[in-house]
Each structure stands twice: as C-alpha cells, then as structure tokens.
Amino acid sequence: MSRASPSSPKIGLVLGSGGARGWAHIGVLRRLNDLGIHPDCIAGTSIGAIAAALYATKRLDTIESLASELDWKRLAQLFFEVSLPRSGLISGKNFMRLLKDMIPAKTIADLNMPYAAIATDIETEQEVVLTSGNLFEIIRASIGIPGIFTPTRLDG
C-alpha cells in the first residue's frame, strides 16, 4: 500500500508520549515503511512530536542510525541540565540544539508532509494542536512538563 490515491482513504499517524520509550516509534515507522504503508500526515506529542518531525523529513535511515549511535548518557546530560529558579527545573536548551542538528527543517512548512504537535496551554489547561510556525519552538512546547521543563511561550 503506497500513498493514497484520490479515491482511497488517507492515512494519518499519531505518535504518543513516553519519554525514552518513545524511541520505539522508530521501529514502528520502519515496519510501516517495510510494509509499504506511508502515512499522508503525522502528529505527535512529547517524544512523539520529535519522532514525527524526524519522520516528516523523510530520512528514516538517518533517524535509525542517529538513534542507534546516540550516546544515551550524554543525551541525558544535554536533556537534564538544571535551570533554577524558574517555573521548571530543566530548560532543555542543550537538547534543542541537538535536535536542530538532527532536523534540517526550520518550520513546519519546511517538512515533507503535513505535521502537527500537541501541547498544553498552561493558562487554560487545554490541549493545543500546533500546525504551523517554528518547528523547534513547537517541539519544545510539546515536550514541556510543568514543574519539570520550563514552559515555552508561543506567539498566537
């Protein structure tokens, strides 16, 4: 099954959260690809937003090699740099720098397929579906956990 024809249904894939377990999304994406199933659009929240953005660059082989070569101890150091006294313990700046090296797109419009990330508006406590704008700010908003990761303010 390849891309949907005009008369066939479109395939959308949503990837969930789960911290480091979210890297399992790469195996799911590989298996779907091997079966000839190619999502027409992709979305995710938290680690799923990261995996979805990587997939939307259409570089599955690169994603797999990056994940297998990651120095997980170094990644933890990048991800968990402590930032006090703010509204969260972790700023995530170093981790976001690493993502910018891995993802060539700068905005959602630069991706090769429709993409959405899910975040939470901490003022209204409502989920927000983000479909346009700076990709890295949107990913950062999606991985935010109040009290743990410092919040990200998005315009609009």
C-alpha atoms as a PDB file:
ATOM      1  CA  MET A   1       0.000   0.000   0.000  1.00  0.00           C
ATOM      2  CA  SER A   2       1.582   3.268  -1.034  1.00  0.00           C
ATOM      3  CA  ARG A   3       0.324   6.827  -0.876  1.00  0.00           C
ATOM      4  CA  ALA A   4      -3.420   7.140  -1.009  1.00  0.00           C
ATOM      5  CA  SER A   5      -4.973   7.764  -4.421  1.00  0.00           C
ATOM      6  CA  PRO A   6      -7.647  10.472  -4.687  1.00  0.00           C
ATOM      7  CA  SER A   7     -10.359   7.857  -4.097  1.00  0.00           C
ATOM      8  CA  SER A   8      -8.638   5.892  -1.332  1.00  0.00           C
ATOM      9  CA  PRO A   9      -8.559   6.871   2.328  1.00  0.00           C
ATOM     10  CA  LYS A  10      -5.681   8.918   3.641  1.00  0.00           C
ATOM     11  CA  ILE A  11      -3.501   7.573   6.419  1.00  0.00           C
ATOM     12  CA  GLY A  12      -2.678   9.687   9.443  1.00  0.00           C
ATOM     13  CA  LEU A  13      -0.322   8.527  12.179  1.00  0.00           C
ATOM     14  CA  VAL A  14      -0.229   9.906  15.719  1.00  0.00           C
ATOM     15  CA  LEU A  15       2.750   9.149  17.969  1.00  0.00           C
ATOM     16  CA  GLY A  16       2.355   9.396  21.724  1.00  0.00           C
ATOM     17  CA  SER A  17       4.478  10.429  24.661  1.00  0.00           C
ATOM     18  CA  GLY A  18       6.519   8.164  26.886  1.00  0.00           C
ATOM     19  CA  GLY A  19       9.987   9.564  27.460  1.00  0.00           C
ATOM     20  CA  ALA A  20      12.824   7.337  26.250  1.00  0.00           C
ATOM     21  CA  ARG A  21      10.296   4.597  25.413  1.00  0.00           C
ATOM     22  CA  GLY A  22       9.146   6.907  22.641  1.00  0.00           C
ATOM     23  CA  TRP A  23      12.196   5.968  20.595  1.00  0.00           C
ATOM     24  CA  ALA A  24      10.250   2.744  19.915  1.00  0.00           C
ATOM     25  CA  HIS A  25       8.308   4.871  17.426  1.00  0.00           C
ATOM     26  CA  ILE A  26      11.299   4.484  15.098  1.00  0.00           C
ATOM     27  CA  GLY A  27      10.725   0.716  14.928  1.00  0.00           C
ATOM     28  CA  VAL A  28       7.034   1.232  14.220  1.00  0.00           C
ATOM     29  CA  LEU A  29       7.838   3.703  11.444  1.00  0.00           C
ATOM     30  CA  ARG A  30      10.380   1.275   9.944  1.00  0.00           C
ATOM     31  CA  ARG A  31       7.868  -1.602   9.992  1.00  0.00           C
ATOM     32  CA  LEU A  32       5.159   0.501   8.363  1.00  0.00           C
ATOM     33  CA  ASN A  33       7.662   1.554   5.702  1.00  0.00           C
ATOM     34  CA  ASP A  34       8.698  -2.070   5.099  1.00  0.00           C
ATOM     35  CA  LEU A  35       5.021  -2.976   4.645  1.00  0.00           C
ATOM     36  CA  GLY A  36       4.617  -0.171   2.104  1.00  0.00           C
ATOM     37  CA  ILE A  37       2.394   1.844   4.416  1.00  0.00           C
ATOM     38  CA  HIS A  38       3.264   5.522   4.183  1.00  0.00           C
ATOM     39  CA  PRO A  39       1.306   7.995   6.291  1.00  0.00           C
ATOM     40  CA  ASP A  40      -0.025  11.042   4.457  1.00  0.00           C
ATOM     41  CA  CYS A  41       0.240  13.146   7.612  1.00  0.00           C
ATOM     42  CA  ILE A  42       1.833  12.713  11.025  1.00  0.00           C
ATOM     43  CA  ALA A  43       1.380  14.142  14.501  1.00  0.00           C
ATOM     44  CA  GLY A  44       2.785  13.592  17.947  1.00  0.00           C
ATOM     45  CA  THR A  45       3.071  14.757  21.493  1.00  0.00           C
ATOM     46  CA  SER A  46       6.259  14.998  23.555  1.00  0.00           C
ATOM     47  CA  ILE A  47       8.749  12.372  22.286  1.00  0.00           C
ATOM     48  CA  GLY A  48       6.144  11.527  19.639  1.00  0.00           C
ATOM     49  CA  ALA A  49       6.350  15.118  18.335  1.00  0.00           C
ATOM     50  CA  ILE A  50      10.114  14.670  17.991  1.00  0.00           C
ATOM     51  CA  ALA A  51       9.830  11.306  16.207  1.00  0.00           C
ATOM     52  CA  ALA A  52       7.074  12.674  13.944  1.00  0.00           C
ATOM     53  CA  ALA A  53       9.211  15.676  12.960  1.00  0.00           C
ATOM     54  CA  LEU A  54      12.158  13.408  12.205  1.00  0.00           C
ATOM     55  CA  TYR A  55       9.930  11.151  10.095  1.00  0.00           C
ATOM     56  CA  ALA A  56       8.450  14.135   8.250  1.00  0.00           C
ATOM     57  CA  THR A  57      11.942  14.950   6.962  1.00  0.00           C
ATOM     58  CA  LYS A  58      11.714  11.660   5.008  1.00  0.00           C
ATOM     59  CA  ARG A  59      15.053  10.440   6.338  1.00  0.00           C
ATOM     60  CA  LEU A  60      14.116   7.203   8.109  1.00  0.00           C
ATOM     61  CA  ASP A  61      17.559   5.613   7.611  1.00  0.00           C
ATOM     62  CA  THR A  62      19.219   8.695   9.094  1.00  0.00           C
ATOM     63  CA  ILE A  63      16.830   8.638  12.043  1.00  0.00           C
ATOM     64  CA  GLU A  64      17.616   4.977  12.737  1.00  0.00           C
ATOM     65  CA  SER A  65      21.369   5.462  12.596  1.00  0.00           C
ATOM     66  CA  LEU A  66      21.191   8.566  14.792  1.00  0.00           C
ATOM     67  CA  ALA A  67      19.136   6.704  17.383  1.00  0.00           C
ATOM     68  CA  SER A  68      21.448   3.685  17.386  1.00  0.00           C
ATOM     69  CA  GLU A  69      24.573   5.849  17.678  1.00  0.00           C
ATOM     70  CA  LEU A  70      23.267   8.167  20.386  1.00  0.00           C
ATOM     71  CA  ASP A  71      25.366   8.379  23.495  1.00  0.00           C
ATOM     72  CA  TRP A  72      22.456   7.997  25.923  1.00  0.00           C
ATOM     73  CA  LYS A  73      24.493   9.185  28.903  1.00  0.00           C
ATOM     74  CA  ARG A  74      25.470  12.348  27.016  1.00  0.00           C
ATOM     75  CA  LEU A  75      21.894  12.800  25.822  1.00  0.00           C
ATOM     76  CA  ALA A  76      20.659  12.631  29.406  1.00  0.00           C
ATOM     77  CA  GLN A  77      23.200  15.299  30.354  1.00  0.00           C
ATOM     78  CA  LEU A  78      22.029  17.511  27.483  1.00  0.00           C
ATOM     79  CA  PHE A  79      18.387  16.967  28.258  1.00  0.00           C
ATOM     80  CA  PHE A  80      18.542  17.340  32.000  1.00  0.00           C
ATOM     81  CA  GLU A  81      20.619  20.455  32.541  1.00  0.00           C
ATOM     82  CA  VAL A  82      19.121  22.116  35.589  1.00  0.00           C
ATOM     83  CA  SER A  83      17.896  25.694  35.347  1.00  0.00           C
ATOM     84  CA  LEU A  84      16.931  27.391  38.611  1.00  0.00           C
ATOM     85  CA  PRO A  85      14.936  29.312  39.752  1.00  0.00           C
ATOM     86  CA  ARG A  86      12.320  29.220  37.017  1.00  0.00           C
ATOM     87  CA  SER A  87       8.986  27.535  36.675  1.00  0.00           C
ATOM     88  CA  GLY A  88      10.692  24.261  35.829  1.00  0.00           C
ATOM     89  CA  LEU A  89      13.918  22.502  36.688  1.00  0.00           C
ATOM     90  CA  ILE A  90      15.063  21.790  33.124  1.00  0.00           C
ATOM     91  CA  SER A  91      15.395  24.361  30.355  1.00  0.00           C
ATOM     92  CA  GLY A  92      16.067  21.851  27.552  1.00  0.00           C
ATOM     93  CA  LYS A  93      18.242  24.333  25.602  1.00  0.00           C
ATOM     94  CA  ASN A  94      21.090  21.890  25.019  1.00  0.00           C
ATOM     95  CA  PHE A  95      18.700  19.157  23.935  1.00  0.00           C
ATOM     96  CA  MET A  96      17.031  21.535  21.489  1.00  0.00           C
ATOM     97  CA  ARG A  97      20.459  22.356  19.999  1.00  0.00           C
ATOM     98  CA  LEU A  98      20.955  18.640  19.398  1.00  0.00           C
ATOM     99  CA  LEU A  99      17.560  18.413  17.668  1.00  0.00           C
ATOM    100  CA  LYS A 100      18.447  21.354  15.426  1.00  0.00           C
ATOM    101  CA  ASP A 101      21.498  19.388  14.275  1.00  0.00           C
ATOM    102  CA  MET A 102      19.311  16.348  13.523  1.00  0.00           C
ATOM    103  CA  ILE A 103      16.362  18.038  11.789  1.00  0.00           C
ATOM    104  CA  PRO A 104      17.088  20.122   8.685  1.00  0.00           C
ATOM    105  CA  ALA A 105      13.653  21.806   8.629  1.00  0.00           C
ATOM    106  CA  LYS A 106      13.232  25.090  10.486  1.00  0.00           C
ATOM    107  CA  THR A 107       9.462  25.482  10.232  1.00  0.00           C
ATOM    108  CA  ILE A 108       6.577  23.064   9.893  1.00  0.00           C
ATOM    109  CA  ALA A 109       6.136  24.325   6.312  1.00  0.00           C
ATOM    110  CA  ASP A 110       9.668  23.030   5.543  1.00  0.00           C
ATOM    111  CA  LEU A 111       8.658  19.437   6.313  1.00  0.00           C
ATOM    112  CA  ASN A 112       7.828  16.959   3.562  1.00  0.00           C
ATOM    113  CA  MET A 113       4.337  16.147   4.825  1.00  0.00           C
ATOM    114  CA  PRO A 114       1.596  17.673   6.976  1.00  0.00           C
ATOM    115  CA  TYR A 115       2.678  17.672  10.638  1.00  0.00           C
ATOM    116  CA  ALA A 116       1.107  18.599  13.942  1.00  0.00           C
ATOM    117  CA  ALA A 117       2.362  18.632  17.507  1.00  0.00           C
ATOM    118  CA  ILE A 118       0.165  18.581  20.566  1.00  0.00           C
ATOM    119  CA  ALA A 119       0.965  20.811  23.535  1.00  0.00           C
ATOM    120  CA  THR A 120      -0.920  22.155  26.531  1.00  0.00           C
ATOM    121  CA  ASP A 121      -1.809  25.778  27.155  1.00  0.00           C
ATOM    122  CA  ILE A 122      -0.875  26.009  30.838  1.00  0.00           C
ATOM    123  CA  GLU A 123      -3.118  29.032  31.362  1.00  0.00           C
ATOM    124  CA  THR A 124      -6.300  27.354  30.083  1.00  0.00           C
ATOM    125  CA  GLU A 125      -5.217  23.746  30.746  1.00  0.00           C
ATOM    126  CA  GLN A 126      -6.433  22.885  27.238  1.00  0.00           C
ATOM    127  CA  GLU A 127      -4.652  20.911  24.566  1.00  0.00           C
ATOM    128  CA  VAL A 128      -3.440  22.895  21.583  1.00  0.00           C
ATOM    129  CA  VAL A 129      -2.825  21.441  18.122  1.00  0.00           C
ATOM    130  CA  LEU A 130       0.131  23.223  16.530  1.00  0.00           C
ATOM    131  CA  THR A 131       0.310  23.009  12.729  1.00  0.00           C
ATOM    132  CA  SER A 132       2.416  25.988  11.672  1.00  0.00           C
ATOM    133  CA  GLY A 133       5.349  28.010  12.868  1.00  0.00           C
ATOM    134  CA  ASN A 134       8.875  27.451  14.148  1.00  0.00           C
ATOM    135  CA  LEU A 135       9.333  23.693  14.368  1.00  0.00           C
ATOM    136  CA  PHE A 136      11.725  23.771  17.311  1.00  0.00           C
ATOM    137  CA  GLU A 137       9.623  26.121  19.423  1.00  0.00           C
ATOM    138  CA  ILE A 138       6.637  23.872  18.750  1.00  0.00           C
ATOM    139  CA  ILE A 139       8.529  20.704  19.686  1.00  0.00           C
ATOM    140  CA  ARG A 140       9.812  22.436  22.825  1.00  0.00           C
ATOM    141  CA  ALA A 141       6.241  23.371  23.762  1.00  0.00           C
ATOM    142  CA  SER A 142       5.122  19.783  23.204  1.00  0.00           C
ATOM    143  CA  ILE A 143       7.783  18.274  25.474  1.00  0.00           C
ATOM    144  CA  GLY A 144       7.027  20.717  28.288  1.00  0.00           C
ATOM    145  CA  ILE A 145       6.014  19.318  31.663  1.00  0.00           C
ATOM    146  CA  PRO A 146       5.073  21.990  34.222  1.00  0.00           C
ATOM    147  CA  GLY A 147       7.454  21.964  37.175  1.00  0.00           C
ATOM    148  CA  ILE A 148       9.966  19.833  35.286  1.00  0.00           C
ATOM    149  CA  PHE A 149      10.622  21.604  31.971  1.00  0.00           C
ATOM    150  CA  THR A 150      10.466  25.370  31.853  1.00  0.00           C
ATOM    151  CA  PRO A 151       7.391  26.375  29.829  1.00  0.00           C
ATOM    152  CA  THR A 152       7.640  27.762  26.311  1.00  0.00           C
ATOM    153  CA  ARG A 153       5.541  30.734  25.267  1.00  0.00           C
ATOM    154  CA  LEU A 154       4.371  30.668  21.669  1.00  0.00           C
ATOM    155  CA  ASP A 155       3.008  33.724  19.892  1.00  0.00           C
ATOM    156  CA  GLY A 156      -0.637  33.248  18.993  1.00  0.00           C
END
